[in-house]
Protein backbone atom coordinates (compact mmCIF):
# COMPACT_ATOMS: atom_id res chain seq x y z
CA UNK A 1 -18.31 -97.69 -62.96
CA UNK A 2 -15.00 -98.96 -64.22
CA UNK A 3 -12.18 -100.12 -61.94
CA UNK A 4 -9.69 -97.29 -61.51
CA UNK A 5 -6.08 -97.80 -60.37
CA UNK A 6 -4.46 -94.65 -58.98
CA UNK A 7 -0.74 -94.78 -58.10
CA UNK A 8 0.57 -91.59 -56.45
CA UNK A 9 3.45 -90.60 -54.20
CA UNK A 10 3.37 -89.59 -50.55
CA UNK A 11 4.48 -86.14 -49.55
CA UNK A 12 2.16 -83.76 -51.39
CA UNK A 13 -1.40 -82.47 -51.61
CA UNK A 14 -1.93 -84.82 -54.56
CA UNK A 15 -2.46 -87.64 -52.03
CA UNK A 16 -5.23 -85.70 -50.26
CA UNK A 17 -7.18 -85.25 -53.48
CA UNK A 18 -6.77 -88.82 -54.65
CA UNK A 19 -7.80 -90.04 -51.19
CA UNK A 20 -11.02 -88.08 -51.61
CA UNK A 21 -11.64 -89.78 -54.94
CA UNK A 22 -10.88 -93.17 -53.40
CA UNK A 23 -13.37 -92.65 -50.58
CA UNK A 24 -16.17 -91.36 -52.80
CA UNK A 25 -15.84 -93.38 -56.03
CA UNK A 26 -16.56 -97.10 -56.04
CA UNK A 27 -13.74 -99.30 -57.37
CA UNK A 28 -11.18 -96.47 -57.17
CA UNK A 29 -8.05 -98.22 -55.94
CA UNK A 30 -5.48 -95.85 -54.46
CA UNK A 31 -1.86 -97.02 -54.27
CA UNK A 32 0.43 -94.65 -52.33
CA UNK A 33 4.15 -95.09 -52.95
CA UNK A 34 6.92 -93.72 -50.78
CA UNK A 35 8.36 -90.55 -52.31
CA UNK A 36 11.79 -92.23 -52.36
CA UNK A 37 10.71 -94.26 -55.41
CA UNK A 38 10.72 -91.04 -57.44
CA UNK A 39 14.51 -91.35 -57.44
CA UNK A 40 14.32 -94.84 -58.96
CA UNK A 41 11.30 -94.68 -61.30
CA UNK A 42 12.56 -97.59 -63.41
CA UNK A 43 11.46 -99.86 -60.54
CA UNK A 44 7.84 -98.65 -60.62
CA UNK A 45 6.63 -100.98 -63.41
CA UNK A 46 7.64 -103.95 -61.24
CA UNK A 47 6.15 -102.84 -57.91
CA UNK A 48 2.90 -101.22 -59.11
CA UNK A 49 -0.22 -103.37 -59.32
CA UNK A 50 -2.58 -102.17 -62.07
CA UNK A 51 -3.86 -105.71 -62.67
CA UNK A 52 -7.45 -106.16 -63.85
CA UNK A 53 -8.16 -102.43 -63.95
CA UNK A 54 -9.92 -100.52 -66.71
CA UNK A 55 -8.33 -97.11 -66.13
CA UNK A 56 -5.04 -95.86 -64.65
CA UNK A 57 -5.30 -92.39 -63.12
CA UNK A 58 -2.04 -90.77 -62.07
CA UNK A 59 0.19 -87.72 -62.43
CA UNK A 60 2.11 -86.99 -65.65
CA UNK A 61 5.46 -86.83 -63.83
CA UNK A 62 5.65 -90.65 -63.67
CA UNK A 63 2.74 -91.89 -65.79
CA UNK A 64 4.99 -93.64 -68.37
CA UNK A 65 6.20 -96.02 -65.63
CA UNK A 66 2.66 -97.02 -64.66
CA UNK A 67 1.28 -97.27 -68.19
CA UNK A 68 0.00 -100.64 -69.41
CA UNK A 69 -0.95 -101.31 -73.07
CA UNK A 70 -4.67 -101.81 -73.46
CA UNK A 71 -5.54 -99.92 -70.26
CA UNK A 72 -6.94 -96.39 -70.52
CA UNK A 73 -4.63 -93.74 -69.06
CA UNK A 74 -5.82 -90.50 -67.43
CA UNK A 75 -3.14 -88.04 -66.33
CA UNK A 76 -3.95 -85.06 -64.10
CA UNK A 77 -1.71 -82.02 -63.90
CA UNK A 78 -1.88 -80.75 -60.32
CA UNK A 79 0.75 -78.13 -61.22
CA UNK A 80 3.26 -77.28 -63.93
CA UNK A 81 6.87 -76.11 -63.37
CA UNK A 82 8.79 -76.60 -66.64
CA UNK A 83 8.38 -73.07 -67.99
CA UNK A 84 11.13 -70.43 -68.04
CA UNK A 85 9.60 -68.41 -65.17
CA UNK A 86 9.79 -71.35 -62.79
CA UNK A 87 13.28 -72.25 -63.99
CA UNK A 88 14.45 -68.79 -62.91
CA UNK A 89 12.93 -69.38 -59.48
CA UNK A 90 14.34 -72.88 -58.92
CA UNK A 91 17.54 -74.34 -57.53
CA UNK A 92 20.23 -75.76 -59.80
CA UNK A 93 19.23 -79.35 -59.00
CA UNK A 94 15.58 -78.54 -59.69
CA UNK A 95 16.48 -76.95 -63.03
CA UNK A 96 18.44 -80.04 -64.07
CA UNK A 97 15.50 -82.25 -63.08
CA UNK A 98 12.99 -80.03 -64.89
CA UNK A 99 15.02 -79.88 -68.11
CA UNK A 100 15.84 -83.59 -68.34
CA UNK A 101 13.90 -86.54 -66.89
CA UNK A 102 10.80 -84.64 -65.74
CA UNK A 103 10.39 -82.97 -69.12
CA UNK A 104 10.76 -86.30 -70.92
CA UNK A 105 8.22 -87.96 -68.60
CA UNK A 106 5.65 -85.22 -69.11
CA UNK A 107 6.03 -85.14 -72.88
CA UNK A 108 5.73 -88.93 -73.00
CA UNK A 109 2.65 -88.78 -70.76
CA UNK A 110 0.94 -86.35 -73.12
CA UNK A 111 1.74 -88.70 -75.99
CA UNK A 112 0.30 -91.86 -74.41
CA UNK A 113 -2.58 -90.48 -72.31
CA UNK A 114 -6.15 -91.12 -73.39
CA UNK A 115 -7.34 -88.11 -71.38
CA UNK A 116 -5.40 -85.17 -69.95
CA UNK A 117 -6.88 -83.11 -67.13
CA UNK A 118 -5.72 -80.10 -65.13
CA UNK A 119 -6.95 -78.73 -61.82
CA UNK A 120 -7.23 -75.13 -63.05
CA UNK A 121 -7.66 -73.16 -66.24
CA UNK A 122 -4.36 -71.37 -65.62
CA UNK A 123 -2.51 -74.69 -65.47
CA UNK A 124 -4.15 -75.98 -68.63
CA UNK A 125 -3.33 -72.81 -70.57
CA UNK A 126 0.28 -72.81 -69.34
CA UNK A 127 0.81 -76.41 -70.50
CA UNK A 128 -0.65 -75.69 -73.92
CA UNK A 129 1.45 -72.57 -74.35
CA UNK A 130 4.74 -73.83 -72.95
CA UNK A 131 4.68 -77.26 -74.60
CA UNK A 132 2.85 -76.20 -77.76
CA UNK A 133 0.23 -78.81 -76.93
CA UNK A 134 -2.89 -78.45 -79.07
CA UNK A 135 -5.02 -81.39 -77.85
CA UNK A 136 -7.82 -81.01 -75.34
CA UNK A 137 -7.12 -80.60 -71.62
CA UNK A 138 -10.19 -81.07 -69.45
CA UNK A 139 -10.29 -78.77 -66.41
CA UNK A 140 -11.66 -80.30 -63.20
CA UNK A 141 -11.19 -77.90 -60.30
CA UNK A 142 -10.02 -79.19 -56.94
CA UNK A 143 -12.72 -79.39 -54.30
CA UNK A 144 -13.03 -79.50 -50.51
CA UNK A 145 -15.52 -81.05 -48.14
CA UNK A 146 -17.51 -78.14 -46.70
CA UNK A 147 -18.97 -80.38 -44.00
CA UNK A 148 -15.44 -80.72 -42.56
CA UNK A 149 -14.03 -77.30 -43.38
CA UNK A 150 -16.42 -74.71 -41.99
CA UNK A 151 -16.22 -71.41 -40.11
CA UNK A 152 -15.93 -71.06 -36.35
CA UNK A 153 -19.36 -70.78 -34.72
CA UNK A 154 -18.25 -67.88 -32.54
CA UNK A 155 -15.99 -65.13 -33.84
CA UNK A 156 -13.80 -63.85 -31.03
CA UNK A 157 -13.26 -60.10 -31.18
CA UNK A 158 -9.68 -60.46 -29.95
CA UNK A 159 -7.03 -57.77 -30.17
CA UNK A 160 -4.53 -60.39 -31.27
CA UNK A 161 -4.73 -61.19 -35.00
CA UNK A 162 -3.57 -64.60 -36.20
CA UNK A 163 -2.34 -64.92 -39.79
CA UNK A 164 -1.86 -68.45 -41.11
CA UNK A 165 0.64 -69.78 -43.67
CA UNK A 166 0.14 -73.44 -44.64
CA UNK A 167 2.56 -75.34 -46.84
CA UNK A 168 6.13 -76.40 -47.37
CA UNK A 169 8.73 -73.74 -46.56
CA UNK A 170 9.85 -73.45 -50.17
CA UNK A 171 10.70 -70.52 -52.41
CA UNK A 172 7.79 -71.45 -54.68
CA UNK A 173 5.39 -71.04 -51.77
CA UNK A 174 6.94 -67.67 -50.89
CA UNK A 175 8.05 -68.85 -47.44
CA UNK A 176 11.34 -66.88 -47.53
CA UNK A 177 9.25 -63.70 -47.67
CA UNK A 178 7.53 -64.35 -44.34
CA UNK A 179 10.20 -62.78 -42.07
CA UNK A 180 10.29 -59.65 -44.25
CA UNK A 181 6.48 -59.39 -44.22
CA UNK A 182 6.49 -59.92 -40.46
CA UNK A 183 8.93 -57.01 -40.07
CA UNK A 184 6.24 -54.67 -41.39
CA UNK A 185 3.28 -55.95 -39.38
CA UNK A 186 1.71 -54.28 -36.39
CA UNK A 187 2.71 -55.64 -33.00
CA UNK A 188 -0.64 -57.34 -32.38
CA UNK A 189 -0.26 -59.55 -35.49
CA UNK A 190 1.46 -62.95 -35.54
CA UNK A 191 2.08 -65.19 -38.54
CA UNK A 192 1.66 -68.85 -37.62
CA UNK A 193 3.23 -71.20 -40.14
CA UNK A 194 3.47 -74.94 -40.67
CA UNK A 195 6.69 -76.71 -41.52
CA UNK A 196 4.95 -78.55 -44.33
CA UNK A 197 6.08 -82.14 -44.74
CA UNK A 198 9.34 -81.62 -42.88
CA UNK A 199 8.83 -81.34 -39.11
CA UNK A 200 12.43 -80.16 -38.65
CA UNK A 201 12.08 -77.27 -41.08
CA UNK A 202 11.79 -73.81 -39.55
CA UNK A 203 12.29 -70.16 -40.47
CA UNK A 204 14.72 -67.88 -38.59
CA UNK A 205 13.41 -66.69 -35.24
CA UNK A 206 11.19 -63.60 -35.30
CA UNK A 207 8.89 -62.04 -32.64
CA UNK A 208 5.92 -62.12 -35.04
CA UNK A 209 6.54 -65.59 -36.50
CA UNK A 210 5.54 -68.81 -34.76
CA UNK A 211 6.21 -72.30 -36.12
CA UNK A 212 3.44 -74.87 -35.64
CA UNK A 213 5.53 -77.75 -36.97
CA UNK A 214 4.09 -80.50 -39.14
CA UNK A 215 0.30 -80.64 -38.83
CA UNK A 216 -1.66 -83.83 -39.47
CA UNK A 217 -4.25 -83.38 -42.20
CA UNK A 218 -7.07 -84.45 -39.87
CA UNK A 219 -6.24 -81.53 -37.56
CA UNK A 220 -6.26 -78.84 -40.23
CA UNK A 221 -9.98 -78.05 -40.14
CA UNK A 222 -9.95 -77.15 -36.45
CA UNK A 223 -6.73 -75.15 -36.92
CA UNK A 224 -8.27 -72.95 -39.62
CA UNK A 225 -11.09 -72.08 -37.21
CA UNK A 226 -8.58 -70.53 -34.79
CA UNK A 227 -7.09 -68.23 -37.46
CA UNK A 228 -8.16 -64.83 -38.82
CA UNK A 229 -6.44 -64.57 -42.24
CA UNK A 230 -4.72 -66.96 -44.65
CA UNK A 231 -1.49 -65.72 -46.23
CA UNK A 232 0.02 -67.44 -49.27
CA UNK A 233 2.66 -65.41 -51.19
CA UNK A 234 3.23 -68.29 -53.63
CA UNK A 235 4.47 -67.74 -57.19
CA UNK A 236 2.93 -70.89 -58.72
CA UNK A 237 0.00 -73.10 -57.76
CA UNK A 238 -1.99 -75.64 -59.76
CA UNK A 239 -4.97 -74.93 -57.53
CA UNK A 240 -4.02 -74.51 -53.91
CA UNK A 241 -5.87 -76.70 -51.41
CA UNK A 242 -4.98 -74.50 -48.43
CA UNK A 243 -6.72 -71.57 -50.08
CA UNK A 244 -9.85 -73.63 -50.70
CA UNK A 245 -9.81 -75.02 -47.16
CA UNK A 246 -9.38 -71.53 -45.70
CA UNK A 247 -12.18 -70.18 -47.88
CA UNK A 248 -14.50 -72.98 -46.74
CA UNK A 249 -13.47 -72.16 -43.15
CA UNK A 250 -14.65 -68.58 -43.56
CA UNK A 251 -11.26 -66.86 -43.77
CA UNK A 252 -10.20 -64.00 -46.03
CA UNK A 253 -7.15 -64.84 -48.15
CA UNK A 254 -4.19 -62.66 -49.09
CA UNK A 255 -2.24 -64.25 -51.93
CA UNK A 256 -0.33 -63.54 -55.15
CA UNK A 257 -1.96 -62.24 -58.30
CA UNK A 258 -0.61 -64.97 -60.56
CA UNK A 259 -1.13 -68.53 -61.76
CA UNK A 260 -4.40 -70.06 -60.49
CA UNK A 261 -4.93 -67.77 -57.48
CA UNK A 262 -7.21 -65.32 -59.34
CA UNK A 263 -9.46 -68.28 -60.18
CA UNK A 264 -9.91 -68.87 -56.46
CA UNK A 265 -9.85 -65.44 -54.82
CA UNK A 266 -11.93 -62.53 -56.09
CA UNK A 267 -9.86 -59.45 -55.29
CA UNK A 268 -11.63 -57.11 -52.86
CA UNK A 269 -14.47 -59.57 -52.17
CA UNK A 270 -12.78 -62.64 -50.70
CA UNK A 271 -9.38 -61.17 -49.92
CA UNK A 272 -6.60 -59.49 -51.84
CA UNK A 273 -4.35 -60.40 -54.77
CA UNK A 274 -0.89 -58.86 -54.40
CA UNK A 275 1.98 -58.42 -56.82
CA UNK A 276 4.15 -61.54 -56.50
CA UNK A 277 7.08 -60.91 -54.17
CA UNK A 278 5.85 -57.46 -53.08
CA UNK A 279 6.51 -57.55 -49.33
CA UNK A 280 5.13 -54.04 -48.82
CA UNK A 281 1.79 -54.87 -50.43
CA UNK A 282 1.34 -58.14 -48.55
CA UNK A 283 2.05 -56.42 -45.22
CA UNK A 284 -0.21 -53.49 -46.08
CA UNK A 285 -3.18 -55.77 -46.81
CA UNK A 286 -2.61 -57.79 -43.63
CA UNK A 287 -2.44 -54.63 -41.50
CA UNK A 288 -5.58 -53.31 -43.19
CA UNK A 289 -7.63 -56.43 -42.45
CA UNK A 290 -6.21 -56.74 -38.95
CA UNK A 291 -7.90 -53.45 -38.04
CA UNK A 292 -11.24 -54.47 -39.59
CA UNK A 293 -12.79 -57.60 -38.03
CA UNK A 294 -16.11 -56.94 -39.74
CA UNK A 295 -14.37 -56.87 -43.12
CA UNK A 296 -12.69 -60.18 -42.34
CA UNK A 297 -16.05 -61.74 -41.48
CA UNK A 298 -17.75 -60.47 -44.66
CA UNK A 299 -14.88 -61.66 -46.86
CA UNK A 300 -14.88 -65.04 -45.12
CA UNK A 301 -18.61 -65.41 -45.68
CA UNK A 302 -18.15 -64.55 -49.35
CA UNK A 303 -15.43 -67.19 -49.66
CA UNK A 304 -17.53 -69.84 -47.95
CA UNK A 305 -20.36 -69.33 -50.45
CA UNK A 306 -17.92 -69.28 -53.34
CA UNK A 307 -16.51 -72.67 -52.35
CA UNK A 308 -20.00 -74.15 -52.04
CA UNK A 309 -20.91 -72.86 -55.50
CA UNK A 310 -17.67 -73.59 -57.35
CA UNK A 311 -15.23 -75.79 -55.44
CA UNK A 312 -17.18 -78.42 -53.53
CA UNK A 313 -15.83 -81.93 -53.31
CA UNK A 314 -19.12 -83.19 -54.76
CA UNK A 315 -18.56 -81.20 -57.96
CA UNK A 316 -14.96 -82.41 -58.24
CA UNK A 317 -15.87 -86.07 -57.74
CA UNK A 318 -18.72 -85.86 -60.24
CA UNK A 319 -16.31 -84.43 -62.80
CA UNK A 320 -13.97 -87.42 -62.47
CA UNK A 321 -16.85 -89.91 -62.36
CA UNK A 322 -18.19 -88.58 -65.65
CA UNK A 323 -14.75 -88.73 -67.19
CA UNK A 324 -14.11 -92.33 -66.12
CA UNK A 325 -17.55 -93.47 -67.28
CA UNK A 326 -17.04 -91.80 -70.66
CA UNK A 327 -13.94 -93.94 -71.19
């Protein structure tokens, strides 16, 4: 196995995945930078330490700053946000960032990378289409550890139904829709949501919304086991880890019918795919499952088996191992 140097930034699910690779691949050296350095990327070549490595594995957003001549470069797209659809759903500052420095960085990364990977087929196809990129993009799906994320041993037949939203409270994740969805839920249903990476972030008060604050990653597995349904009304995901973790934990998932979500959730078998932004449909599906505990259990069991067959951490790690060895 070659020596791999992996510089990434704190503050996103990218760290979780690269930590998995670091713990399961020999000579995979993870280097986590504070997210503040993203505002001064010109410093990165001087503070990164890719010495004596054979391969650099990082994200395309900042790969040009970590690149070293003579060292193989692997860039992994965990998501893609430069297209016109995302521009319409972004703030002014985000649009400026997407159209200028981020676009240049990604185009340069595609030019200098020895291998380009993406975490889902939807992401790979979007990159090719939006950037007119005709070279190969290898798809390696994200994976989760099913020995850590697993269903509750005893299913409580409780009248109270707990719906879980996990992620940053951003427009991309669909967080602003939560109060409007909650308005249409039955009184025995509560949406529990995390504040993502910002413990001070919170939605407006609502009788059927409860903020859990910022949850440590090591506590997530036990939290899933207390929930009944995962809700993610996101409009763009590379391949969402929360969905995979919830699936492995035996939960049905209600999410948007767009981007990579249809690669994860089989509509009607493991949950429901709703029209993006359709508050009525999201609420309808939640209310439907809330009244049917047996349906929730059967969908959760289906999802658990689907993760084992298609999205295990073992399969993901083997994909990267094979790629690194081939270099």
